[in-house]
């Protein structure tokens, strides 16, 4: 590929190009999330399936401080809250003192 021609560009052009590429990538990612049905808020049952715990254990996690969203008679759980909650309760083998 030694036949490639180099074109000098300004730093402003590089920044504008990088910004445009970032914006387009972000839009494409958001569209892909929307089109594949990925959602941020889950029902309790969906949350159990997502993290692989029983409904009873999810209730225990709520008592331990997992936040929920209450909308009239519907309870939803934010995936970001689940991730944050689980990270707060993450320990190494040494920390558990086995």
C-alpha atoms as a PDB file:
ATOM      1  CA  UNK A   1       0.000   0.000   0.000  1.00  0.00           C
ATOM      2  CA  UNK A   2       2.811   2.378  -0.721  1.00  0.00           C
ATOM      3  CA  UNK A   3       0.614   4.029  -3.358  1.00  0.00           C
ATOM      4  CA  UNK A   4      -1.415   5.792  -0.665  1.00  0.00           C
ATOM      5  CA  UNK A   5      -1.579   9.562  -0.843  1.00  0.00           C
ATOM      6  CA  UNK A   6      -1.315  11.510   2.392  1.00  0.00           C
ATOM      7  CA  UNK A   7      -3.426  14.626   2.853  1.00  0.00           C
ATOM      8  CA  UNK A   8      -2.411  17.068   5.572  1.00  0.00           C
ATOM      9  CA  UNK A   9      -5.289  18.149   7.826  1.00  0.00           C
ATOM     10  CA  UNK A  10      -5.549  20.677  10.614  1.00  0.00           C
ATOM     11  CA  UNK A  11      -6.036  19.805  14.267  1.00  0.00           C
ATOM     12  CA  UNK A  12      -9.481  21.431  14.068  1.00  0.00           C
ATOM     13  CA  UNK A  13     -10.448  19.054  11.256  1.00  0.00           C
ATOM     14  CA  UNK A  14      -9.195  16.056  13.243  1.00  0.00           C
ATOM     15  CA  UNK A  15     -11.238  17.180  16.265  1.00  0.00           C
ATOM     16  CA  UNK A  16     -14.361  17.765  14.180  1.00  0.00           C
ATOM     17  CA  UNK A  17     -13.943  14.369  12.497  1.00  0.00           C
ATOM     18  CA  UNK A  18     -13.465  12.616  15.856  1.00  0.00           C
ATOM     19  CA  UNK A  19     -16.517  14.388  17.276  1.00  0.00           C
ATOM     20  CA  UNK A  20     -18.644  13.458  14.263  1.00  0.00           C
ATOM     21  CA  UNK A  21     -17.480   9.829  14.443  1.00  0.00           C
ATOM     22  CA  UNK A  22     -18.295   9.728  18.186  1.00  0.00           C
ATOM     23  CA  UNK A  23     -21.776  11.201  17.665  1.00  0.00           C
ATOM     24  CA  UNK A  24     -22.583   8.806  14.817  1.00  0.00           C
ATOM     25  CA  UNK A  25     -21.322   5.830  16.822  1.00  0.00           C
ATOM     26  CA  UNK A  26     -23.385   6.863  19.826  1.00  0.00           C
ATOM     27  CA  UNK A  27     -26.530   7.237  17.699  1.00  0.00           C
ATOM     28  CA  UNK A  28     -25.954   3.822  16.111  1.00  0.00           C
ATOM     29  CA  UNK A  29     -25.416   2.194  19.494  1.00  0.00           C
ATOM     30  CA  UNK A  30     -28.591   3.749  20.922  1.00  0.00           C
ATOM     31  CA  UNK A  31     -30.572   2.668  17.853  1.00  0.00           C
ATOM     32  CA  UNK A  32     -29.218  -0.882  18.151  1.00  0.00           C
ATOM     33  CA  UNK A  33     -30.188  -1.005  21.837  1.00  0.00           C
ATOM     34  CA  UNK A  34     -33.668   0.279  21.040  1.00  0.00           C
ATOM     35  CA  UNK A  35     -34.144  -2.074  18.104  1.00  0.00           C
ATOM     36  CA  UNK A  36     -33.015  -5.172  20.020  1.00  0.00           C
ATOM     37  CA  UNK A  37     -35.378  -4.517  22.893  1.00  0.00           C
ATOM     38  CA  UNK A  38     -32.695  -3.943  25.520  1.00  0.00           C
ATOM     39  CA  UNK A  39     -34.306  -2.064  28.346  1.00  0.00           C
ATOM     40  CA  UNK A  40     -32.985  -0.411  31.474  1.00  0.00           C
ATOM     41  CA  UNK A  41     -35.869  -1.090  33.888  1.00  0.00           C
ATOM     42  CA  UNK A  42     -36.929  -4.651  34.641  1.00  0.00           C
ATOM     43  CA  UNK A  43     -39.754  -6.261  36.562  1.00  0.00           C
ATOM     44  CA  UNK A  44     -38.779  -8.312  39.607  1.00  0.00           C
ATOM     45  CA  UNK A  45     -39.157 -11.544  37.634  1.00  0.00           C
ATOM     46  CA  UNK A  46     -37.034 -10.212  34.770  1.00  0.00           C
ATOM     47  CA  UNK A  47     -34.410  -9.111  37.283  1.00  0.00           C
ATOM     48  CA  UNK A  48     -34.314 -12.598  38.820  1.00  0.00           C
ATOM     49  CA  UNK A  49     -33.791 -14.135  35.385  1.00  0.00           C
ATOM     50  CA  UNK A  50     -31.187 -11.518  34.431  1.00  0.00           C
ATOM     51  CA  UNK A  51     -28.945 -12.094  37.463  1.00  0.00           C
ATOM     52  CA  UNK A  52     -29.860 -15.729  38.110  1.00  0.00           C
ATOM     53  CA  UNK A  53     -31.388 -15.574  41.581  1.00  0.00           C
ATOM     54  CA  UNK A  54     -34.672 -16.725  43.047  1.00  0.00           C
ATOM     55  CA  UNK A  55     -37.525 -14.337  43.789  1.00  0.00           C
ATOM     56  CA  UNK A  56     -36.956 -14.910  47.514  1.00  0.00           C
ATOM     57  CA  UNK A  57     -33.312 -13.952  47.201  1.00  0.00           C
ATOM     58  CA  UNK A  58     -34.232 -10.812  45.246  1.00  0.00           C
ATOM     59  CA  UNK A  59     -36.498  -9.846  48.148  1.00  0.00           C
ATOM     60  CA  UNK A  60     -33.525 -10.333  50.484  1.00  0.00           C
ATOM     61  CA  UNK A  61     -31.450  -8.056  48.244  1.00  0.00           C
ATOM     62  CA  UNK A  62     -34.178  -5.420  48.531  1.00  0.00           C
ATOM     63  CA  UNK A  63     -34.015  -5.679  52.335  1.00  0.00           C
ATOM     64  CA  UNK A  64     -30.220  -5.304  52.055  1.00  0.00           C
ATOM     65  CA  UNK A  65     -30.705  -1.999  50.210  1.00  0.00           C
ATOM     66  CA  UNK A  66     -31.319  -2.715  46.513  1.00  0.00           C
ATOM     67  CA  UNK A  67     -33.392   0.273  45.327  1.00  0.00           C
ATOM     68  CA  UNK A  68     -36.676  -0.232  43.470  1.00  0.00           C
ATOM     69  CA  UNK A  69     -38.967   2.081  41.528  1.00  0.00           C
ATOM     70  CA  UNK A  70     -42.601   2.071  42.667  1.00  0.00           C
ATOM     71  CA  UNK A  71     -45.176   3.145  40.080  1.00  0.00           C
ATOM     72  CA  UNK A  72     -48.658   2.653  41.511  1.00  0.00           C
ATOM     73  CA  UNK A  73     -48.926  -1.147  41.764  1.00  0.00           C
ATOM     74  CA  UNK A  74     -45.855  -1.908  39.609  1.00  0.00           C
ATOM     75  CA  UNK A  75     -42.323  -2.379  40.922  1.00  0.00           C
ATOM     76  CA  UNK A  76     -39.389  -1.931  38.579  1.00  0.00           C
ATOM     77  CA  UNK A  77     -35.682  -2.327  39.154  1.00  0.00           C
ATOM     78  CA  UNK A  78     -33.031  -0.280  37.373  1.00  0.00           C
ATOM     79  CA  UNK A  79     -30.251  -2.442  35.908  1.00  0.00           C
ATOM     80  CA  UNK A  80     -27.706   0.207  36.894  1.00  0.00           C
ATOM     81  CA  UNK A  81     -28.851  -0.038  40.531  1.00  0.00           C
ATOM     82  CA  UNK A  82     -28.446  -3.828  40.411  1.00  0.00           C
ATOM     83  CA  UNK A  83     -24.907  -3.515  39.052  1.00  0.00           C
ATOM     84  CA  UNK A  84     -23.997  -0.890  41.659  1.00  0.00           C
ATOM     85  CA  UNK A  85     -25.540  -2.967  44.463  1.00  0.00           C
ATOM     86  CA  UNK A  86     -23.683  -6.107  43.394  1.00  0.00           C
ATOM     87  CA  UNK A  87     -20.394  -4.227  43.093  1.00  0.00           C
ATOM     88  CA  UNK A  88     -20.824  -2.927  46.658  1.00  0.00           C
ATOM     89  CA  UNK A  89     -21.182  -6.542  47.828  1.00  0.00           C
ATOM     90  CA  UNK A  90     -18.252  -7.911  45.841  1.00  0.00           C
ATOM     91  CA  UNK A  91     -15.466  -9.484  47.897  1.00  0.00           C
ATOM     92  CA  UNK A  92     -12.303 -11.421  47.202  1.00  0.00           C
ATOM     93  CA  UNK A  93     -11.702 -14.873  48.654  1.00  0.00           C
ATOM     94  CA  UNK A  94      -9.204 -13.397  51.153  1.00  0.00           C
ATOM     95  CA  UNK A  95     -11.704 -10.786  52.370  1.00  0.00           C
ATOM     96  CA  UNK A  96     -14.216 -13.523  53.254  1.00  0.00           C
ATOM     97  CA  UNK A  97     -11.666 -15.100  55.675  1.00  0.00           C
ATOM     98  CA  UNK A  98     -12.255 -18.710  54.755  1.00  0.00           C
END
